[in-house]
Amino acid sequence: MIKVVVLDLDGVYFLNSHKNFKENLNKKFNLSEDKVVQVYFSGQKMKDYKLGKISGDEFWGWAIKEWGINVTQQDVLNVLAEGYFINEKADSLIKKLKDQNIKIALCTNNFLERIQTVDNKLNFLDNFD
């Protein structure tokens, strides 16, 4: 008997969020995909941030400086959240599983500020036990 189903966020519960973030940063701040990837997706600072070795304030202050844009940390997080949309197939599956009294868990390597900002937009955490 299945008691719990565990889902990841990016690529499962949310689709295209990374692609959307790169495109939105390009549109709003004229940042090239290479520059976004270099700072946000592949650097040691992001690894340190996800591991809790540096704070969100430290990471975002550094990223904003590297990108050369004049915005706040929350401005960038809001741009990030704009690109998040719930995968309707995953959402439907969750509802079916919950109807069968199966617990739904979330396992992700997302950082706290991203989860909070996206949850403010989509109120998705209520879908998980």
Protein backbone atom coordinates (compact mmCIF):
# COMPACT_ATOMS: atom_id res chain seq x y z
CA MET A 1 0.00 0.00 0.00
CA ILE A 2 1.33 3.42 -0.97
CA LYS A 3 1.33 5.82 1.98
CA VAL A 4 3.39 8.75 0.68
CA VAL A 5 4.30 10.14 -2.73
CA VAL A 6 7.26 12.52 -2.93
CA LEU A 7 7.53 15.13 -5.67
CA ASP A 8 10.27 17.50 -6.76
CA LEU A 9 9.37 21.05 -7.74
CA ASP A 10 11.28 22.15 -10.82
CA GLY A 11 10.56 19.97 -13.82
CA VAL A 12 7.81 18.04 -12.02
CA TYR A 13 5.40 20.29 -10.15
CA PHE A 14 6.56 23.39 -12.05
CA LEU A 15 7.54 23.34 -15.72
CA ASN A 16 9.93 25.67 -17.55
CA SER A 17 10.67 27.84 -14.51
CA HIS A 18 14.40 28.08 -15.23
CA LYS A 19 13.82 28.90 -18.89
CA ASN A 20 11.20 31.48 -17.95
CA PHE A 21 13.53 33.10 -15.39
CA LYS A 22 16.30 33.49 -17.97
CA GLU A 23 13.86 34.96 -20.50
CA ASN A 24 12.31 37.32 -17.94
CA LEU A 25 15.70 38.60 -16.80
CA ASN A 26 16.59 39.22 -20.43
CA LYS A 27 13.35 41.11 -21.08
CA LYS A 28 13.42 43.22 -17.92
CA PHE A 29 17.15 43.88 -17.52
CA ASN A 30 18.66 42.99 -20.91
CA LEU A 31 20.76 40.22 -19.38
CA SER A 32 22.11 37.61 -21.76
CA GLU A 33 21.38 33.97 -21.08
CA ASP A 34 25.11 33.36 -20.67
CA LYS A 35 25.36 36.03 -17.97
CA VAL A 36 22.32 34.66 -16.13
CA VAL A 37 23.65 31.09 -16.28
CA GLN A 38 27.12 32.16 -15.19
CA VAL A 39 25.82 33.85 -12.04
CA TYR A 40 22.66 31.95 -11.13
CA PHE A 41 22.95 28.43 -12.47
CA SER A 42 26.56 27.39 -12.39
CA GLY A 43 28.62 29.30 -9.87
CA GLN A 44 30.14 28.36 -6.55
CA LYS A 45 28.18 31.16 -4.85
CA MET A 46 24.88 29.49 -5.76
CA LYS A 47 26.16 26.16 -4.44
CA ASP A 48 27.19 27.86 -1.20
CA TYR A 49 23.80 29.58 -0.98
CA LYS A 50 21.86 26.35 -1.45
CA LEU A 51 24.05 24.64 1.16
CA GLY A 52 23.47 27.47 3.64
CA LYS A 53 27.11 28.55 3.65
CA ILE A 54 26.13 32.10 2.66
CA SER A 55 22.92 34.03 3.26
CA GLY A 56 20.33 35.05 0.70
CA ASP A 57 21.32 38.68 1.25
CA GLU A 58 24.95 37.85 0.48
CA PHE A 59 24.12 35.79 -2.61
CA TRP A 60 21.61 38.25 -4.08
CA GLY A 61 23.79 41.26 -3.34
CA TRP A 62 26.62 39.56 -5.20
CA ALA A 63 24.38 38.40 -8.10
CA ILE A 64 22.83 41.85 -8.60
CA LYS A 65 26.32 43.40 -8.61
CA GLU A 66 27.60 40.78 -11.10
CA TRP A 67 24.63 41.44 -13.38
CA GLY A 68 25.12 45.18 -13.08
CA ILE A 69 21.45 45.93 -12.46
CA ASN A 70 20.01 48.45 -10.01
CA VAL A 71 17.29 46.45 -8.23
CA THR A 72 16.57 44.88 -4.87
CA GLN A 73 16.77 41.23 -3.92
CA GLN A 74 12.97 41.11 -3.77
CA ASP A 75 12.73 42.58 -7.28
CA VAL A 76 14.81 39.69 -8.64
CA LEU A 77 12.83 37.13 -6.63
CA ASN A 78 9.61 38.58 -8.03
CA VAL A 79 10.97 38.18 -11.56
CA LEU A 80 11.83 34.60 -10.66
CA ALA A 81 8.30 33.93 -9.36
CA GLU A 82 6.72 35.37 -12.51
CA GLY A 83 8.03 32.37 -14.43
CA TYR A 84 6.45 29.74 -12.19
CA PHE A 85 3.29 27.95 -13.26
CA ILE A 86 1.87 24.77 -11.76
CA ASN A 87 1.99 21.70 -13.97
CA GLU A 88 -1.71 20.84 -14.30
CA LYS A 89 -0.98 17.11 -14.70
CA ALA A 90 0.98 17.02 -11.45
CA ASP A 91 -1.68 19.08 -9.70
CA SER A 92 -4.41 16.72 -10.90
CA LEU A 93 -2.41 13.70 -9.75
CA ILE A 94 -1.92 15.24 -6.31
CA LYS A 95 -5.67 15.77 -5.94
CA LYS A 96 -6.38 12.16 -6.93
CA LEU A 97 -3.79 10.83 -4.51
CA LYS A 98 -5.10 12.99 -1.66
CA ASP A 99 -8.60 11.68 -2.35
CA GLN A 100 -7.13 8.22 -1.67
CA ASN A 101 -5.64 9.48 1.63
CA ILE A 102 -2.10 9.28 0.31
CA LYS A 103 0.26 11.84 1.82
CA ILE A 104 2.05 14.16 -0.60
CA ALA A 105 5.56 15.27 0.30
CA LEU A 106 7.88 17.77 -1.31
CA CYS A 107 11.62 17.23 -1.67
CA THR A 108 13.57 20.03 -3.27
CA ASN A 109 16.92 21.77 -3.28
CA ASN A 110 15.24 25.15 -3.74
CA PHE A 111 16.28 27.94 -1.40
CA LEU A 112 13.89 29.38 1.16
CA GLU A 113 13.40 32.81 -0.45
CA ARG A 114 12.42 31.23 -3.75
CA ILE A 115 9.91 28.92 -2.09
CA GLN A 116 8.40 31.79 -0.11
CA THR A 117 8.13 34.13 -3.11
CA VAL A 118 6.62 31.49 -5.39
CA ASP A 119 4.23 30.39 -2.64
CA ASN A 120 3.10 34.01 -2.24
CA LYS A 121 2.21 33.98 -5.94
CA LEU A 122 0.68 30.49 -6.24
CA ASN A 123 -0.12 29.34 -2.69
CA PHE A 124 1.15 25.89 -3.65
CA LEU A 125 2.54 24.67 -0.33
CA ASP A 126 -0.98 23.91 0.89
CA ASN A 127 -1.04 21.09 -1.69
CA PHE A 128 1.67 19.21 0.24
CA ASP A 129 1.48 17.48 3.59
